[in-house]
Every structure is written in C-alpha cells, then in structure tokens.
Protein backbone atom coordinates (compact mmCIF):
# COMPACT_ATOMS: atom_id res chain seq x y z
CA MET A 1 35.67 88.62 -43.79
CA SER A 2 36.95 90.19 -40.59
CA PRO A 3 35.66 93.77 -40.13
CA VAL A 4 37.34 95.88 -37.46
CA ASP A 5 34.58 98.42 -36.83
CA GLU A 6 30.88 98.92 -37.45
CA GLN A 7 31.45 100.76 -40.74
CA ASP A 8 33.50 97.83 -42.05
CA LEU A 9 30.77 95.48 -40.87
CA SER A 10 28.06 97.44 -42.67
CA GLU A 11 30.04 97.46 -45.88
CA ALA A 12 30.76 93.75 -45.63
CA VAL A 13 27.09 92.85 -45.20
CA ALA A 14 25.87 95.31 -47.83
CA GLY A 15 28.39 93.99 -50.35
CA ALA A 16 27.82 90.30 -49.65
CA GLY A 17 26.97 88.33 -52.76
CA GLY A 18 25.57 85.32 -50.93
CA PRO A 19 24.95 83.73 -47.54
CA LEU A 20 27.10 84.69 -44.58
CA ARG A 21 28.00 82.46 -41.63
CA ILE A 22 28.30 84.79 -38.66
CA VAL A 23 30.84 83.82 -35.99
CA GLY A 24 32.32 85.44 -32.90
CA GLY A 25 34.71 83.21 -31.00
CA GLY A 26 33.46 80.10 -32.81
CA THR A 27 32.81 78.28 -29.53
CA ARG A 28 29.04 77.67 -29.95
CA PRO A 29 28.30 75.85 -33.23
CA VAL A 30 24.66 75.29 -32.30
CA GLY A 31 21.98 75.07 -34.99
CA ARG A 32 21.73 73.64 -38.46
CA PRO A 33 24.96 73.81 -40.48
CA VAL A 34 25.24 77.05 -42.46
CA ALA A 35 26.91 77.08 -45.87
CA GLY A 36 28.26 80.56 -46.53
CA GLU A 37 31.21 82.89 -46.36
CA VAL A 38 32.47 83.33 -42.81
CA LEU A 39 31.93 86.79 -41.33
CA SER A 40 33.84 87.10 -38.05
CA VAL A 41 33.09 89.89 -35.58
CA ALA A 42 36.15 89.03 -33.46
CA GLY A 43 37.83 92.21 -34.71
CA LEU A 44 35.13 94.36 -33.11
CA SER A 45 36.64 94.10 -29.66
CA GLY A 46 37.01 96.25 -26.58
CA ILE A 47 35.09 97.65 -23.63
CA GLU A 48 33.78 101.05 -24.71
CA LEU A 49 32.20 102.26 -21.48
CA TYR A 50 32.18 100.94 -17.93
CA GLU A 51 30.60 102.92 -15.11
CA PRO A 52 30.70 100.87 -11.91
CA GLY A 53 28.69 103.49 -10.04
CA ALA A 54 25.90 103.26 -12.60
CA LEU A 55 26.12 99.45 -12.78
CA THR A 56 26.44 99.51 -16.58
CA ILE A 57 28.98 98.20 -19.08
CA VAL A 58 29.14 98.60 -22.86
CA ALA A 59 31.36 96.44 -25.06
CA LYS A 60 31.87 95.70 -28.72
CA ALA A 61 30.37 92.39 -29.77
CA GLY A 62 33.67 90.61 -30.42
CA THR A 63 35.06 91.35 -26.95
CA PRO A 64 36.06 88.11 -25.19
CA LEU A 65 33.66 87.25 -22.38
CA ALA A 66 36.66 86.71 -20.10
CA GLU A 67 37.75 90.32 -20.65
CA VAL A 68 34.31 91.62 -19.67
CA GLU A 69 34.15 89.40 -16.58
CA ALA A 70 37.69 90.40 -15.51
CA ALA A 71 36.85 94.10 -15.74
CA LEU A 72 33.73 93.57 -13.66
CA ALA A 73 35.53 91.42 -11.09
CA ALA A 74 38.13 94.15 -10.58
CA GLU A 75 35.28 96.34 -9.31
CA ASN A 76 33.59 93.48 -7.42
CA GLN A 77 30.77 93.30 -9.94
CA ARG A 78 29.38 90.58 -12.21
CA LEU A 79 27.03 89.76 -15.05
CA PRO A 80 23.77 88.72 -13.34
CA PHE A 81 22.91 85.77 -15.59
CA GLU A 82 26.04 83.60 -15.12
CA PRO A 83 26.77 82.70 -18.78
CA MET A 84 27.82 79.10 -19.36
CA ASP A 85 30.93 78.02 -21.26
CA LEU A 86 30.06 75.45 -23.95
CA ARG A 87 33.62 74.63 -25.02
CA GLY A 88 33.94 71.53 -22.87
CA LEU A 89 30.54 70.18 -23.88
CA LEU A 90 30.98 70.87 -27.60
CA GLY A 91 34.70 70.14 -27.81
CA THR A 92 35.48 73.57 -29.27
CA SER A 93 38.32 75.99 -28.65
CA GLY A 94 38.74 79.74 -28.97
CA GLU A 95 37.35 82.46 -26.73
CA PRO A 96 33.61 83.02 -26.15
CA THR A 97 32.60 86.58 -27.04
CA ILE A 98 30.07 88.81 -25.35
CA GLY A 99 28.19 89.16 -28.65
CA GLY A 100 27.93 85.39 -28.93
CA VAL A 101 26.49 85.26 -25.41
CA VAL A 102 23.77 87.70 -26.45
CA ALA A 103 23.11 86.07 -29.82
CA ALA A 104 22.43 82.74 -28.08
CA ASN A 105 20.80 84.30 -24.97
CA VAL A 106 23.20 82.24 -22.86
CA SER A 107 22.03 81.93 -19.26
CA GLY A 108 23.30 79.78 -16.39
CA PRO A 109 21.95 78.46 -13.08
CA ARG A 110 21.30 81.94 -11.67
CA ARG A 111 18.58 82.48 -14.28
CA ILE A 112 15.98 81.36 -11.71
CA GLN A 113 16.86 84.39 -9.59
CA ALA A 114 18.32 87.04 -11.91
CA GLY A 115 16.65 86.22 -15.23
CA ALA A 116 18.17 85.40 -18.60
CA CYS A 117 20.80 87.27 -20.58
CA ARG A 118 18.09 89.27 -22.37
CA ASP A 119 16.79 90.52 -19.01
CA SER A 120 20.13 92.23 -18.25
CA LEU A 121 20.60 93.58 -21.77
CA ILE A 122 19.76 97.30 -22.01
CA GLY A 123 21.09 98.27 -25.42
CA VAL A 124 22.35 96.91 -28.72
CA ARG A 125 23.85 98.09 -31.97
CA PHE A 126 23.70 95.77 -34.97
CA VAL A 127 23.85 95.67 -38.75
CA ASP A 128 20.79 94.24 -40.50
CA GLY A 129 20.71 92.20 -43.71
CA ARG A 130 20.72 95.35 -45.86
CA GLY A 131 23.95 96.57 -44.28
CA THR A 132 22.18 99.28 -42.24
CA ALA A 133 23.47 100.02 -38.74
CA VAL A 134 20.66 100.00 -36.17
CA LYS A 135 20.69 101.15 -32.54
CA ASN A 136 18.11 100.29 -29.89
CA GLY A 137 18.01 100.85 -26.15
CA GLY A 138 20.78 102.80 -24.55
CA ARG A 139 23.74 102.84 -22.23
CA VAL A 140 21.79 103.56 -19.04
CA MET A 141 19.02 101.56 -17.40
CA LYS A 142 16.43 104.34 -17.61
CA ASN A 143 16.43 104.38 -21.44
CA VAL A 144 13.24 102.63 -22.62
CA THR A 145 12.55 104.46 -25.88
CA GLY A 146 11.68 102.80 -29.19
CA TYR A 147 10.75 99.26 -30.10
CA ASP A 148 12.27 96.54 -27.94
CA LEU A 149 14.75 95.20 -30.46
CA VAL A 150 17.09 94.64 -27.52
CA LYS A 151 15.07 91.65 -26.36
CA LEU A 152 14.48 90.49 -29.93
CA MET A 153 18.18 90.29 -30.75
CA ALA A 154 18.93 88.13 -27.70
CA GLY A 155 18.57 84.54 -28.85
CA SER A 156 18.22 85.33 -32.55
CA TYR A 157 21.55 83.62 -33.37
CA GLY A 158 22.60 86.27 -35.88
CA THR A 159 19.60 85.66 -38.15
CA LEU A 160 18.15 89.18 -37.77
CA GLY A 161 21.34 91.20 -37.61
CA VAL A 162 25.04 91.08 -36.81
CA LEU A 163 25.69 92.55 -33.37
CA SER A 164 28.34 95.24 -33.14
CA GLU A 165 27.81 96.53 -29.58
CA VAL A 166 25.97 95.40 -26.46
CA ALA A 167 25.19 97.15 -23.17
CA PHE A 168 24.29 95.50 -19.86
CA LYS A 169 23.15 96.32 -16.39
CA VAL A 170 25.38 94.49 -13.90
CA LEU A 171 25.21 93.54 -10.21
CA PRO A 172 27.54 93.75 -7.21
CA GLY A 173 29.75 90.74 -6.57
CA VAL A 174 29.10 88.01 -4.02
CA GLU A 175 30.76 88.16 -0.59
CA THR A 176 29.97 84.61 0.54
CA ARG A 177 28.46 81.52 -1.06
CA ALA A 178 27.37 78.17 0.35
CA CYS A 179 25.58 75.10 -0.96
CA VAL A 180 22.97 73.04 0.87
CA LEU A 181 23.29 69.43 -0.30
CA LEU A 182 20.54 66.82 -0.13
CA ASN A 183 21.80 63.33 -0.81
CA GLY A 184 20.12 60.26 -2.30
CA LEU A 185 16.86 61.81 -3.53
CA SER A 186 14.86 60.51 -6.50
CA ASN A 187 14.22 62.95 -9.34
CA ALA A 188 10.65 63.54 -8.13
CA ASP A 189 11.66 64.13 -4.51
CA ALA A 190 14.51 66.38 -5.62
CA VAL A 191 12.15 68.60 -7.63
CA ALA A 192 9.74 68.73 -4.70
CA ALA A 193 12.58 69.79 -2.38
CA MET A 194 13.90 72.38 -4.87
CA SER A 195 10.40 73.81 -5.37
CA LYS A 196 9.95 74.12 -1.60
CA ALA A 197 13.30 75.87 -1.25
CA LEU A 198 12.67 78.22 -4.18
CA GLY A 199 9.24 79.09 -2.75
CA SER A 200 10.78 79.99 0.60
CA PRO A 201 11.98 83.49 1.58
CA PHE A 202 15.60 82.31 1.77
CA GLU A 203 16.77 83.60 -1.65
CA VAL A 204 18.10 80.47 -3.32
CA SER A 205 20.22 81.48 -6.34
CA GLY A 206 20.70 78.00 -7.81
CA ALA A 207 18.75 74.74 -7.61
CA ALA A 208 20.02 71.67 -9.45
CA HIS A 209 19.85 67.88 -9.21
CA SER A 210 22.01 65.11 -10.62
CA PRO A 211 20.98 61.44 -10.35
CA ALA A 212 24.72 60.70 -10.49
CA GLY A 213 26.61 63.53 -8.83
CA MET A 214 30.33 64.22 -8.81
CA ASP A 215 30.78 61.12 -6.62
CA GLY A 216 28.34 58.96 -8.60
CA HIS A 217 25.46 59.28 -6.12
CA PRO A 218 22.26 61.38 -6.41
CA VAL A 219 22.76 64.93 -5.14
CA THR A 220 20.46 67.94 -4.99
CA MET A 221 22.18 71.34 -4.78
CA LEU A 222 20.76 74.58 -3.39
CA ARG A 223 23.00 77.64 -3.63
CA LEU A 224 22.94 80.60 -1.25
CA GLU A 225 24.85 83.84 -1.85
CA GLY A 226 25.23 87.15 -0.06
CA PHE A 227 26.66 88.52 3.18
CA ALA A 228 28.27 85.91 5.42
CA ASP A 229 25.84 86.19 8.35
CA SER A 230 22.86 86.07 6.02
CA VAL A 231 24.15 83.00 4.18
CA THR A 232 24.76 81.18 7.47
CA TYR A 233 21.28 82.04 8.73
CA ARG A 234 19.53 81.03 5.51
CA ALA A 235 21.46 77.76 5.29
CA GLY A 236 20.27 76.85 8.78
CA LYS A 237 16.69 77.74 7.91
CA LEU A 238 16.79 75.66 4.74
CA ARG A 239 18.04 72.67 6.71
CA GLU A 240 15.05 73.05 9.02
CA LEU A 241 12.64 73.53 6.12
CA LEU A 242 13.87 70.44 4.28
CA ALA A 243 14.50 68.18 7.27
CA ASP A 244 11.98 65.62 5.97
CA TYR A 245 14.17 64.97 2.92
CA GLY A 246 16.81 63.06 4.88
CA ASP A 247 20.57 63.42 4.55
CA ILE A 248 21.39 67.15 4.42
CA SER A 249 24.76 68.89 4.66
CA VAL A 250 26.13 72.36 3.94
CA GLU A 251 29.27 73.04 1.92
CA THR A 252 30.89 76.37 2.82
CA ASP A 253 34.30 76.08 1.12
CA PRO A 254 34.07 78.83 -1.53
CA ASP A 255 36.28 77.02 -4.04
CA LYS A 256 34.28 73.80 -3.76
CA VAL A 257 30.98 75.66 -4.07
CA LEU A 258 32.22 77.54 -7.14
CA ALA A 259 33.54 74.35 -8.73
CA GLY A 260 30.27 72.55 -8.06
CA TRP A 261 28.17 75.21 -9.73
CA ASN A 262 30.55 75.47 -12.68
CA TRP A 263 30.05 71.69 -12.99
CA VAL A 264 26.30 72.31 -13.29
CA ARG A 265 26.55 75.48 -15.39
CA ASP A 266 28.81 73.96 -18.04
CA VAL A 267 27.14 70.50 -17.98
CA GLU A 268 30.48 68.92 -17.09
CA PRO A 269 29.01 65.42 -16.51
CA PHE A 270 28.66 65.08 -20.30
CA HIS A 271 32.09 66.39 -21.28
CA GLY A 272 34.11 63.99 -23.40
CA ARG A 273 31.36 61.37 -23.49
CA ALA A 274 29.89 59.88 -26.66
CA GLY A 275 26.31 60.75 -27.55
CA ASP A 276 24.11 63.67 -28.47
CA VAL A 277 23.10 66.31 -25.92
CA TRP A 278 19.62 67.83 -25.75
CA ARG A 279 18.39 70.72 -23.62
CA VAL A 280 14.71 70.49 -22.63
CA SER A 281 12.93 73.43 -21.00
CA VAL A 282 9.65 72.62 -19.20
CA LYS A 283 7.67 73.44 -16.09
CA PRO A 284 9.73 72.24 -13.10
CA SER A 285 6.92 69.91 -12.06
CA ASP A 286 7.24 68.18 -15.46
CA GLY A 287 11.01 67.72 -15.10
CA PRO A 288 10.98 64.24 -13.52
CA GLU A 289 8.62 62.85 -16.18
CA ILE A 290 10.73 64.36 -18.99
CA ALA A 291 13.87 62.87 -17.42
CA ALA A 292 12.20 59.46 -17.27
CA ARG A 293 11.05 59.61 -20.89
CA ALA A 294 14.48 60.78 -22.06
CA GLY A 295 16.24 57.80 -20.54
CA GLY A 296 20.01 57.74 -20.35
CA ASP A 297 21.85 60.31 -18.26
CA VAL A 298 20.28 63.60 -17.23
CA LEU A 299 21.21 66.72 -15.30
CA MET A 300 18.43 68.96 -13.96
CA ASP A 301 18.86 72.70 -13.39
CA TRP A 302 16.51 75.65 -12.74
CA GLY A 303 14.67 73.73 -10.04
CA GLY A 304 13.83 70.94 -12.50
CA GLY A 305 12.74 73.25 -15.32
CA LEU A 306 15.84 72.61 -17.41
CA VAL A 307 16.72 69.01 -18.23
CA TRP A 308 19.99 68.19 -19.98
CA ALA A 309 19.90 64.72 -21.55
CA LEU A 310 22.74 62.61 -22.99
CA VAL A 311 21.30 60.17 -25.54
CA PRO A 312 22.68 57.84 -28.24
CA GLU A 313 23.91 59.56 -31.39
CA GLY A 314 21.21 60.33 -33.93
CA THR A 315 18.34 60.04 -31.43
CA ASP A 316 15.23 62.10 -32.18
CA LEU A 317 14.51 62.95 -28.55
CA ARG A 318 11.36 64.91 -29.39
CA ALA A 319 9.85 61.77 -30.88
CA ASP A 320 10.79 59.80 -27.77
CA LEU A 321 9.33 62.45 -25.46
CA GLY A 322 6.00 62.59 -27.27
CA THR A 323 3.63 65.43 -26.46
CA PHE A 324 4.86 67.80 -23.75
CA SER A 325 4.56 71.46 -22.84
CA GLY A 326 7.94 73.09 -23.42
CA HIS A 327 10.71 72.98 -25.97
CA ALA A 328 13.66 70.74 -26.75
CA THR A 329 16.86 72.00 -28.39
CA LEU A 330 19.57 69.82 -29.89
CA ILE A 331 22.81 71.26 -28.51
CA ARG A 332 25.43 68.70 -29.52
CA ALA A 333 25.25 66.29 -32.46
CA SER A 334 26.94 65.54 -35.77
CA GLU A 335 26.35 67.81 -38.75
CA GLU A 336 24.34 65.00 -40.34
CA THR A 337 21.99 64.81 -37.35
CA ARG A 338 21.69 68.60 -37.10
CA ALA A 339 20.80 68.75 -40.79
CA ARG A 340 18.24 65.94 -40.45
CA LEU A 341 16.45 66.95 -37.26
CA PRO A 342 15.02 70.36 -36.32
CA VAL A 343 17.59 71.72 -33.90
CA PHE A 344 15.15 74.15 -32.30
CA GLN A 345 11.60 73.38 -31.23
CA PRO A 346 9.26 73.68 -34.27
CA GLU A 347 6.80 76.55 -33.92
CA PRO A 348 3.03 76.54 -34.29
CA ALA A 349 2.05 77.85 -37.74
CA PRO A 350 0.85 81.31 -36.61
CA VAL A 351 4.05 81.93 -34.63
CA ALA A 352 6.18 80.63 -37.50
CA ALA A 353 4.49 83.13 -39.82
CA LEU A 354 5.31 86.00 -37.46
CA THR A 355 8.91 84.81 -37.17
CA GLU A 356 9.27 84.60 -40.93
CA GLY A 357 7.81 88.09 -41.27
CA LEU A 358 10.40 89.46 -38.87
CA ARG A 359 13.21 87.80 -40.79
CA ARG A 360 11.97 89.27 -44.07
CA GLN A 361 11.96 92.73 -42.50
CA PHE A 362 15.45 92.51 -41.02
CA ASP A 363 17.11 90.28 -43.63
CA PRO A 364 15.19 90.54 -46.91
CA ARG A 365 18.00 88.87 -48.88
CA ASP A 366 18.11 85.90 -46.46
CA ILE A 367 21.90 86.05 -46.10
CA LEU A 368 22.42 86.14 -42.31
CA ASN A 369 22.95 82.61 -41.00
CA PRO A 370 20.24 81.31 -43.34
CA SER A 371 18.54 78.07 -42.19
CA LEU A 372 20.53 78.00 -38.93
CA MET A 373 17.37 78.12 -36.82
CA GLY A 374 15.23 76.23 -39.31
CA GLY A 375 12.24 78.49 -38.80
CA ALA A 376 12.37 78.10 -35.02
CA SER A 377 11.46 80.76 -32.48
CA LEU A 378 13.59 83.76 -31.74
C-alpha cells in the first residue's frame, strides 16, 4: 500500500486485515523482523511550510531528508540534531525520510549540545491503529497545548502510529568549524579529556574517540563551531586546558572537519566489514569499561556516553557486558539473530506494563509494526 495523503493513509490503516510493516525510505531496517503487508509513506512527500524567520519547518513524513536539509541550507539553517545516515552501515539503498528520522529518534554527534531529534520536534500528525488521524503540538515553538504525544512518537518506530507530518524548530547554519585533535590516548584518558572539554565554557559541539582513527592510530576529536574569531579563540583555550594530554593539533580545513565528523556520525569505520553492530548508551564515565567488556572494535561518541561495537556475528553482547547501567541496541545483524535476541534493551516489568498499555491504547488491533520492538521502551 502506498497512500498519497493522510486520508488515504487513514483508510489504508482502518481497512487493514492484518499486520502492517511501516516503511519510509526503507533505509533503517532496525528491530525484529516484521511479517506483514508493506505500508509505505513515501508518497506523503513535500515541505508544507517553511518560515526561516520563525525558525520552523513542517514537512510530510515521506519527504526525503536530503530535500529538507537542502531547503534549510539555502537559508543558511540546519536541523539541530545532525541526523545520521545508516545506509553505509546497514548496506541499504533508497532515500532516508524525515518521518523515518523521527520514528527512530535519529540523533548524531551534536546531541551532546543540541539534544536529540525529539528535542527539536514541535508537532506531529499521525494515524493510529484504528485509522484515526491525530494531531499534537503545532507549527510554532510557543504551542505547548495537549498531551506530549510529540515526544512519545519520536523513537516509537511506527508501533503507536504512522506519521503523516512532522514540524521542527531549526537553528542558524555554522559559519566556521574546527576540530581539536588529541592523538594516542587510551580510552580512559580520552574520556577524561572529553569530559574536561565538555565541562569547560568553550562550547564543544562534538566529542568522539576512536582507538583506531582514520589513519589507524588512536584519535580523540573535539569539534568547535561558530563565528571564525570565536572558534579560533576557543580552540586555543582548549589546547591550553588539555595540554597535559600530550600531542594536540587543530584541524581548520572545513572539508576535512566535515568529513571527519561524518565519519563519526555514520559509523564509517564499520562500513563493509563483517560482524554485528551494537549501540550501547551509558554514562560517559562508564564508556571505557563498556568498550573493554565489548572487545573487538569500538567507536565512542557523545563524550564516551555512546559506544558503537563491532562484534562477531550472532554475539549476545548484553550477556558479554553483564550488569551495567544503560541500554544496548542491536543495530546490524542477520534476521535470524534479530529474531533470536532482543534488539532493544529489555524493560523492567513495571515499565514494560506501561509500554504495553500505551500500545493497546494507540494500536488495539496490534497491526502497526507488531513485535518490531519486542516490548522494548519507546
């Protein structure tokens, strides 16, 4: 089924005789495999409202992400949360959609400064499991009426409703960017350095560490963005602040800085390599221990709070990690592994009961991406 507007979408869901597998651009097959008729929202496409002066944009859910970003770039604006592109990591094709970004709450390295996708989302329209069109939030930042279904829909992976429209607050573009590079640090020292930088007043917008950087050697990356004079000043201050950490340099070539952070954002070190990929979210101070327990290759983002791990196929990384405070998500694996292991972090019983109650309210027939999240948190 390929509806072309919200009315078509409502009728398609209301008339469904069984499970539906909701897709946008088909670039993010994350979660347990779903057996059902494909319902594509790609036909719901187009930017409906863009007011640069009000820093807001509204688009239909099937609008390609690239179209949204191009419209913003033409006005020197951007989405605050720097959504990652999973095609290289997952080996998929097609075009990521803005609705898919919201459904998965996709957030990149700038999350440590600007928040996640859900923090920039100000309004949604969606069709619930009964086929009823629902609106929450608005098209301007001051609208705060009603229940906060806006936040609830972000990261629900289409299990509560099928998005038809999304609205965002946006930010001005970046004039200058630079990257302070610390070379040769251990995971523990890298997290200590990143924590010191993030706790400083120098407005770091990205903090990542790779034990095997683009040249095969450990590198810790601290991104600075803003007006040229400010970036130069803050880079100098960071070098002074982190002088005890040894070999420090500053990359100012804008193309190299952009390429380096795309490398982190899209987890490029794991592209085209055999193995399963897990995403572990923890306190930054726990990052080095999680990386050590995971073994294999890792990439650390969010100041050490996000650990990407490449492990042998079929590995139950949660079992290997043991008890820890955080959550582990299986991002890339075979269908057999994703059917065998919980893809999302299992919830405590009381939270699982609340989650199930929400699903019964929004999808009483259990037809929207059933079992995709396996009872995991929204």
